[in-house]
Amino acid sequence: MPVGVFQCNCIILGDPQTLEAIVIDPGSETEKIMKKVRAHGLKVKEIVHTHTHIDHIGSTTALQKETNARVALHREDLPLYENRTEQAKFLRIPLPVVEKPVGVDEFLVDGYAIRAGGLEGQTLHTPGHTPGSCTFYFPKVAETGILFPGDTLFAGSIGRTDLWKGDYDQEINSIKKKLLPLGDDIIVIPGHGSKTTIGFEKKNNPFLIH
């Protein structure tokens, strides 16, 4: 579900049996997110972040207050999370919309399990776009499994590395070592834009085929 001026793909995953849910990257438009949550009768248990650029965390505080969900992100992205005011200035986002960040309940690490009811995903630390960038892999969602890489991998591109502590070589290494080996049929839903598959990116992404 694209949200905000930057059209961040906010993801809501709900277990149809328990109605427990996970929200990934609530970048903006809290009420839009909550409308979807309420429409399906979901109980948000955890809010997780692929990284903490402001377009991926803009509604974290408000959503946590609405749901009392646990908040999780990678420790290496904590400086970004805590300095959203500076991020807002850099991106010329009006400061009144920037709230003081809610506290972090869990720090993501490689292998951290994300659970809500029968849903279970695995955290892969994939630094490069930011030091704490993470990818979430849900092998049992859809027939092929689904990958949520945030801004690490896009359809036909990769995340920019010219922002705070971005590292191009590290990002390429994260993609090639941790994402591409997972399987060609896996669906990839990036942080912005359209979905793709691992196999398509292996063959067609100009950053990965040279």
C-alpha atoms as a PDB file:
ATOM      1  CA  MET A   1       0.000   0.000   0.000  1.00  0.00           C
ATOM      2  CA  PRO A   2       1.804   3.180  -1.167  1.00  0.00           C
ATOM      3  CA  VAL A   3       1.738   5.978   1.420  1.00  0.00           C
ATOM      4  CA  GLY A   4       2.974   9.544   1.617  1.00  0.00           C
ATOM      5  CA  VAL A   5       4.532  11.921  -0.883  1.00  0.00           C
ATOM      6  CA  PHE A   6       7.356   9.437  -1.505  1.00  0.00           C
ATOM      7  CA  GLN A   7       4.903   6.553  -2.057  1.00  0.00           C
ATOM      8  CA  CYS A   8       6.627   4.181   0.343  1.00  0.00           C
ATOM      9  CA  ASN A   9       5.166   0.688   0.130  1.00  0.00           C
ATOM     10  CA  CYS A  10       3.713   0.094   3.593  1.00  0.00           C
ATOM     11  CA  ILE A  11       2.997  -3.603   4.096  1.00  0.00           C
ATOM     12  CA  ILE A  12       0.295  -5.105   6.309  1.00  0.00           C
ATOM     13  CA  LEU A  13       0.506  -8.876   6.802  1.00  0.00           C
ATOM     14  CA  GLY A  14      -2.291 -10.516   8.758  1.00  0.00           C
ATOM     15  CA  ASP A  15      -2.898 -14.076   9.911  1.00  0.00           C
ATOM     16  CA  PRO A  16      -6.441 -15.004   8.784  1.00  0.00           C
ATOM     17  CA  GLN A  17      -6.894 -17.336  11.762  1.00  0.00           C
ATOM     18  CA  THR A  18      -5.728 -15.219  14.702  1.00  0.00           C
ATOM     19  CA  LEU A  19      -6.079 -11.811  12.979  1.00  0.00           C
ATOM     20  CA  GLU A  20      -2.703 -10.831  14.412  1.00  0.00           C
ATOM     21  CA  ALA A  21      -0.728  -8.610  12.058  1.00  0.00           C
ATOM     22  CA  ILE A  22       2.665  -7.147  11.251  1.00  0.00           C
ATOM     23  CA  VAL A  23       3.158  -3.725   9.693  1.00  0.00           C
ATOM     24  CA  ILE A  24       6.319  -3.059   7.700  1.00  0.00           C
ATOM     25  CA  ASP A  25       7.479   0.525   7.066  1.00  0.00           C
ATOM     26  CA  PRO A  26       4.557   2.760   8.075  1.00  0.00           C
ATOM     27  CA  GLY A  27       5.938   5.749   6.211  1.00  0.00           C
ATOM     28  CA  SER A  28       2.972   8.112   6.414  1.00  0.00           C
ATOM     29  CA  GLU A  29      -0.826   8.362   6.356  1.00  0.00           C
ATOM     30  CA  THR A  30      -1.593   6.699   9.670  1.00  0.00           C
ATOM     31  CA  GLU A  31      -5.345   6.867   9.151  1.00  0.00           C
ATOM     32  CA  LYS A  32      -5.064   5.163   5.755  1.00  0.00           C
ATOM     33  CA  ILE A  33      -3.101   2.349   7.393  1.00  0.00           C
ATOM     34  CA  MET A  34      -5.534   2.072  10.301  1.00  0.00           C
ATOM     35  CA  LYS A  35      -8.514   2.045   7.953  1.00  0.00           C
ATOM     36  CA  LYS A  36      -7.084  -1.064   6.295  1.00  0.00           C
ATOM     37  CA  VAL A  37      -6.289  -2.638   9.671  1.00  0.00           C
ATOM     38  CA  ARG A  38      -9.815  -2.014  10.967  1.00  0.00           C
ATOM     39  CA  ALA A  39     -11.458  -3.189   7.751  1.00  0.00           C
ATOM     40  CA  HIS A  40      -9.923  -6.627   8.249  1.00  0.00           C
ATOM     41  CA  GLY A  41     -10.332  -6.705  12.025  1.00  0.00           C
ATOM     42  CA  LEU A  42      -6.585  -7.019  12.546  1.00  0.00           C
ATOM     43  CA  LYS A  43      -4.570  -6.638  15.745  1.00  0.00           C
ATOM     44  CA  VAL A  44      -1.160  -5.175  14.961  1.00  0.00           C
ATOM     45  CA  LYS A  45       1.424  -6.914  17.142  1.00  0.00           C
ATOM     46  CA  GLU A  46       4.665  -5.574  15.687  1.00  0.00           C
ATOM     47  CA  ILE A  47       5.858  -2.636  13.587  1.00  0.00           C
ATOM     48  CA  VAL A  48       9.119  -3.433  11.821  1.00  0.00           C
ATOM     49  CA  HIS A  49      11.342  -1.313   9.610  1.00  0.00           C
ATOM     50  CA  THR A  50      13.533  -2.184   6.656  1.00  0.00           C
ATOM     51  CA  HIS A  51      15.442   1.019   7.466  1.00  0.00           C
ATOM     52  CA  THR A  52      14.738   4.345   9.114  1.00  0.00           C
ATOM     53  CA  HIS A  53      14.730   7.015   6.438  1.00  0.00           C
ATOM     54  CA  ILE A  54      11.847   9.311   7.268  1.00  0.00           C
ATOM     55  CA  ASP A  55       9.669   8.140   4.374  1.00  0.00           C
ATOM     56  CA  HIS A  56       9.602   4.695   6.037  1.00  0.00           C
ATOM     57  CA  ILE A  57       9.044   5.786   9.659  1.00  0.00           C
ATOM     58  CA  GLY A  58       6.796   8.849   9.390  1.00  0.00           C
ATOM     59  CA  SER A  59       3.771   7.132  10.960  1.00  0.00           C
ATOM     60  CA  THR A  60       5.560   4.806  13.370  1.00  0.00           C
ATOM     61  CA  THR A  61       4.839   6.871  16.471  1.00  0.00           C
ATOM     62  CA  ALA A  62       1.185   7.511  15.637  1.00  0.00           C
ATOM     63  CA  LEU A  63       0.590   3.888  14.619  1.00  0.00           C
ATOM     64  CA  GLN A  64       2.186   2.588  17.803  1.00  0.00           C
ATOM     65  CA  LYS A  65      -0.076   4.835  19.860  1.00  0.00           C
ATOM     66  CA  GLU A  66      -3.109   3.493  17.980  1.00  0.00           C
ATOM     67  CA  THR A  67      -2.168  -0.175  18.286  1.00  0.00           C
ATOM     68  CA  ASN A  68       0.262  -0.516  21.214  1.00  0.00           C
ATOM     69  CA  ALA A  69       2.383  -2.703  18.928  1.00  0.00           C
ATOM     70  CA  ARG A  70       6.055  -3.420  19.534  1.00  0.00           C
ATOM     71  CA  VAL A  71       8.516  -1.402  17.456  1.00  0.00           C
ATOM     72  CA  ALA A  72      11.581  -3.035  15.915  1.00  0.00           C
ATOM     73  CA  LEU A  73      14.491  -1.725  13.840  1.00  0.00           C
ATOM     74  CA  HIS A  74      18.213  -2.359  13.460  1.00  0.00           C
ATOM     75  CA  ARG A  75      20.438  -0.708  16.053  1.00  0.00           C
ATOM     76  CA  GLU A  76      22.743   0.732  13.381  1.00  0.00           C
ATOM     77  CA  ASP A  77      19.835   2.801  12.055  1.00  0.00           C
ATOM     78  CA  LEU A  78      18.972   4.236  15.463  1.00  0.00           C
ATOM     79  CA  PRO A  79      20.742   7.586  14.776  1.00  0.00           C
ATOM     80  CA  LEU A  80      18.520   8.096  11.723  1.00  0.00           C
ATOM     81  CA  TYR A  81      15.422   7.139  13.682  1.00  0.00           C
ATOM     82  CA  GLU A  82      16.230   9.570  16.480  1.00  0.00           C
ATOM     83  CA  ASN A  83      17.112  12.444  14.121  1.00  0.00           C
ATOM     84  CA  ARG A  84      14.015  12.575  11.982  1.00  0.00           C
ATOM     85  CA  THR A  85      13.899  16.365  12.401  1.00  0.00           C
ATOM     86  CA  GLU A  86      17.163  16.688  10.481  1.00  0.00           C
ATOM     87  CA  GLN A  87      15.866  14.248   7.883  1.00  0.00           C
ATOM     88  CA  ALA A  88      12.726  16.338   7.503  1.00  0.00           C
ATOM     89  CA  LYS A  89      14.760  19.508   6.982  1.00  0.00           C
ATOM     90  CA  PHE A  90      16.936  17.805   4.374  1.00  0.00           C
ATOM     91  CA  LEU A  91      13.894  16.587   2.444  1.00  0.00           C
ATOM     92  CA  ARG A  92      11.943  19.832   3.011  1.00  0.00           C
ATOM     93  CA  ILE A  93       9.110  18.058   4.796  1.00  0.00           C
ATOM     94  CA  PRO A  94       7.118  20.495   6.986  1.00  0.00           C
ATOM     95  CA  LEU A  95       8.324  20.096  10.555  1.00  0.00           C
ATOM     96  CA  PRO A  96       4.868  20.089  12.230  1.00  0.00           C
ATOM     97  CA  VAL A  97       4.260  16.564  10.862  1.00  0.00           C
ATOM     98  CA  VAL A  98       7.404  15.225  12.541  1.00  0.00           C
ATOM     99  CA  GLU A  99       6.624  13.658  15.916  1.00  0.00           C
ATOM    100  CA  LYS A 100       9.048  12.701  18.648  1.00  0.00           C
ATOM    101  CA  PRO A 101       9.916   9.053  17.954  1.00  0.00           C
ATOM    102  CA  VAL A 102       8.351   6.386  20.110  1.00  0.00           C
ATOM    103  CA  GLY A 103      10.766   4.059  21.913  1.00  0.00           C
ATOM    104  CA  VAL A 104      12.235   0.944  20.306  1.00  0.00           C
ATOM    105  CA  ASP A 105      11.205  -2.394  21.831  1.00  0.00           C
ATOM    106  CA  GLU A 106      13.438  -4.734  19.830  1.00  0.00           C
ATOM    107  CA  PHE A 107      16.623  -4.323  17.834  1.00  0.00           C
ATOM    108  CA  LEU A 108      16.673  -6.432  14.698  1.00  0.00           C
ATOM    109  CA  VAL A 109      19.610  -8.738  14.051  1.00  0.00           C
ATOM    110  CA  ASP A 110      20.356 -11.250  11.331  1.00  0.00           C
ATOM    111  CA  GLY A 111      17.959 -14.155  11.826  1.00  0.00           C
ATOM    112  CA  TYR A 112      15.490 -12.298  14.057  1.00  0.00           C
ATOM    113  CA  ALA A 113      12.079 -13.964  13.718  1.00  0.00           C
ATOM    114  CA  ILE A 114       9.061 -11.772  13.008  1.00  0.00           C
ATOM    115  CA  ARG A 115       5.860 -13.457  14.185  1.00  0.00           C
ATOM    116  CA  ALA A 116       2.162 -12.718  14.246  1.00  0.00           C
ATOM    117  CA  GLY A 117      -0.110 -15.691  14.738  1.00  0.00           C
ATOM    118  CA  GLY A 118       0.969 -18.324  12.230  1.00  0.00           C
ATOM    119  CA  LEU A 119       2.935 -15.831  10.158  1.00  0.00           C
ATOM    120  CA  GLU A 120       6.680 -16.033  10.503  1.00  0.00           C
ATOM    121  CA  GLY A 121       9.361 -14.117   8.674  1.00  0.00           C
ATOM    122  CA  GLN A 122      13.124 -14.009   8.895  1.00  0.00           C
ATOM    123  CA  THR A 123      15.250 -10.882   9.177  1.00  0.00           C
ATOM    124  CA  LEU A 124      18.273 -10.563   6.909  1.00  0.00           C
ATOM    125  CA  HIS A 125      20.664  -7.724   7.710  1.00  0.00           C
ATOM    126  CA  THR A 126      21.388  -6.202   4.281  1.00  0.00           C
ATOM    127  CA  PRO A 127      23.425  -3.027   4.863  1.00  0.00           C
ATOM    128  CA  GLY A 128      24.360  -0.596   2.127  1.00  0.00           C
ATOM    129  CA  HIS A 129      21.449   1.768   1.588  1.00  0.00           C
ATOM    130  CA  THR A 130      21.803   2.475   5.304  1.00  0.00           C
ATOM    131  CA  PRO A 131      24.009   0.707   7.887  1.00  0.00           C
ATOM    132  CA  GLY A 132      20.979  -0.953   9.460  1.00  0.00           C
ATOM    133  CA  SER A 133      19.020  -1.842   6.340  1.00  0.00           C
ATOM    134  CA  CYS A 134      17.178  -5.148   6.690  1.00  0.00           C
ATOM    135  CA  THR A 135      15.204  -7.433   4.404  1.00  0.00           C
ATOM    136  CA  PHE A 136      12.268  -9.500   5.635  1.00  0.00           C
ATOM    137  CA  TYR A 137      11.730 -12.926   4.079  1.00  0.00           C
ATOM    138  CA  PHE A 138       8.435 -14.774   4.500  1.00  0.00           C
ATOM    139  CA  PRO A 139       8.974 -18.188   2.872  1.00  0.00           C
ATOM    140  CA  LYS A 140       5.418 -19.439   3.472  1.00  0.00           C
ATOM    141  CA  VAL A 141       3.522 -16.364   2.282  1.00  0.00           C
ATOM    142  CA  ALA A 142       2.283 -17.034  -1.268  1.00  0.00           C
ATOM    143  CA  GLU A 143       3.411 -20.193  -3.056  1.00  0.00           C
ATOM    144  CA  THR A 144       6.865 -18.842  -3.804  1.00  0.00           C
ATOM    145  CA  GLY A 145       7.628 -16.842  -0.677  1.00  0.00           C
ATOM    146  CA  ILE A 146       7.845 -13.063  -0.482  1.00  0.00           C
ATOM    147  CA  LEU A 147      10.792 -10.773   0.157  1.00  0.00           C
ATOM    148  CA  PHE A 148      10.530  -7.223   1.505  1.00  0.00           C
ATOM    149  CA  PRO A 149      13.933  -5.575   0.913  1.00  0.00           C
ATOM    150  CA  GLY A 150      12.942  -1.972   1.582  1.00  0.00           C
ATOM    151  CA  ASP A 151      15.163   0.312  -0.478  1.00  0.00           C
ATOM    152  CA  THR A 152      17.961  -2.225  -0.939  1.00  0.00           C
ATOM    153  CA  LEU A 153      16.569  -3.734  -4.151  1.00  0.00           C
ATOM    154  CA  PHE A 154      14.051  -2.329  -6.630  1.00  0.00           C
ATOM    155  CA  ALA A 155      12.556  -3.550  -9.879  1.00  0.00           C
ATOM    156  CA  GLY A 156      15.385  -2.783 -12.283  1.00  0.00           C
ATOM    157  CA  SER A 157      17.475  -0.838  -9.807  1.00  0.00           C
ATOM    158  CA  ILE A 158      18.979  -0.669  -6.310  1.00  0.00           C
ATOM    159  CA  GLY A 159      18.776   1.815  -3.448  1.00  0.00           C
ATOM    160  CA  ARG A 160      20.743   5.037  -3.521  1.00  0.00           C
ATOM    161  CA  THR A 161      23.900   5.101  -1.419  1.00  0.00           C
ATOM    162  CA  ASP A 162      24.714   8.818  -1.414  1.00  0.00           C
ATOM    163  CA  LEU A 163      22.867   9.528   1.841  1.00  0.00           C
ATOM    164  CA  TRP A 164      24.112   9.132   5.429  1.00  0.00           C
ATOM    165  CA  LYS A 165      26.599   6.245   5.652  1.00  0.00           C
ATOM    166  CA  GLY A 166      25.395   4.650   2.434  1.00  0.00           C
ATOM    167  CA  ASP A 167      27.865   2.195   0.897  1.00  0.00           C
ATOM    168  CA  TYR A 168      27.470   1.034  -2.703  1.00  0.00           C
ATOM    169  CA  ASP A 169      29.848  -1.942  -2.497  1.00  0.00           C
ATOM    170  CA  GLN A 170      28.219  -3.106   0.714  1.00  0.00           C
ATOM    171  CA  GLU A 171      24.764  -2.886  -0.843  1.00  0.00           C
ATOM    172  CA  ILE A 172      25.769  -4.910  -3.906  1.00  0.00           C
ATOM    173  CA  ASN A 173      27.368  -7.495  -1.631  1.00  0.00           C
ATOM    174  CA  SER A 174      24.208  -7.705   0.496  1.00  0.00           C
ATOM    175  CA  ILE A 175      22.066  -8.328  -2.572  1.00  0.00           C
ATOM    176  CA  LYS A 176      24.360 -10.869  -4.197  1.00  0.00           C
ATOM    177  CA  LYS A 177      25.249 -12.796  -1.046  1.00  0.00           C
ATOM    178  CA  LYS A 178      21.953 -12.736   0.859  1.00  0.00           C
ATOM    179  CA  LEU A 179      19.069 -12.098  -1.538  1.00  0.00           C
ATOM    180  CA  LEU A 180      19.858 -13.609  -4.925  1.00  0.00           C
ATOM    181  CA  PRO A 181      20.612 -17.106  -3.552  1.00  0.00           C
ATOM    182  CA  LEU A 182      17.142 -17.396  -1.978  1.00  0.00           C
ATOM    183  CA  GLY A 183      15.458 -18.553  -5.185  1.00  0.00           C
ATOM    184  CA  ASP A 184      14.461 -17.196  -8.582  1.00  0.00           C
ATOM    185  CA  ASP A 185      10.698 -17.499  -8.078  1.00  0.00           C
ATOM    186  CA  ILE A 186      10.543 -15.457  -4.885  1.00  0.00           C
ATOM    187  CA  ILE A 187       8.357 -12.368  -5.197  1.00  0.00           C
ATOM    188  CA  VAL A 188      10.083  -9.113  -4.263  1.00  0.00           C
ATOM    189  CA  ILE A 189       8.019  -6.187  -2.989  1.00  0.00           C
ATOM    190  CA  PRO A 190      10.435  -3.261  -2.665  1.00  0.00           C
ATOM    191  CA  GLY A 191      10.163  -0.115  -0.589  1.00  0.00           C
ATOM    192  CA  HIS A 192       8.903   1.864  -3.580  1.00  0.00           C
ATOM    193  CA  GLY A 193       7.503   0.958  -6.967  1.00  0.00           C
ATOM    194  CA  SER A 194       6.317  -2.273  -8.510  1.00  0.00           C
ATOM    195  CA  LYS A 195       6.955  -5.856  -7.489  1.00  0.00           C
ATOM    196  CA  THR A 196       9.433  -8.120  -9.245  1.00  0.00           C
ATOM    197  CA  THR A 197      11.127 -11.502  -8.704  1.00  0.00           C
ATOM    198  CA  ILE A 198      14.629 -12.537  -7.763  1.00  0.00           C
ATOM    199  CA  GLY A 199      15.018 -14.362 -11.072  1.00  0.00           C
ATOM    200  CA  PHE A 200      14.009 -11.338 -13.141  1.00  0.00           C
ATOM    201  CA  GLU A 201      16.461  -9.099 -11.307  1.00  0.00           C
ATOM    202  CA  LYS A 202      19.277 -11.615 -11.745  1.00  0.00           C
ATOM    203  CA  LYS A 203      18.811 -11.480 -15.505  1.00  0.00           C
ATOM    204  CA  ASN A 204      17.780  -7.874 -16.054  1.00  0.00           C
ATOM    205  CA  ASN A 205      18.898  -5.552 -13.269  1.00  0.00           C
ATOM    206  CA  PRO A 206      21.789  -3.519 -14.738  1.00  0.00           C
ATOM    207  CA  PHE A 207      23.444  -3.216 -11.325  1.00  0.00           C
ATOM    208  CA  LEU A 208      23.591  -6.991 -10.883  1.00  0.00           C
ATOM    209  CA  ILE A 209      24.464  -8.449 -14.287  1.00  0.00           C
ATOM    210  CA  HIS A 210      27.909  -6.962 -14.869  1.00  0.00           C
END
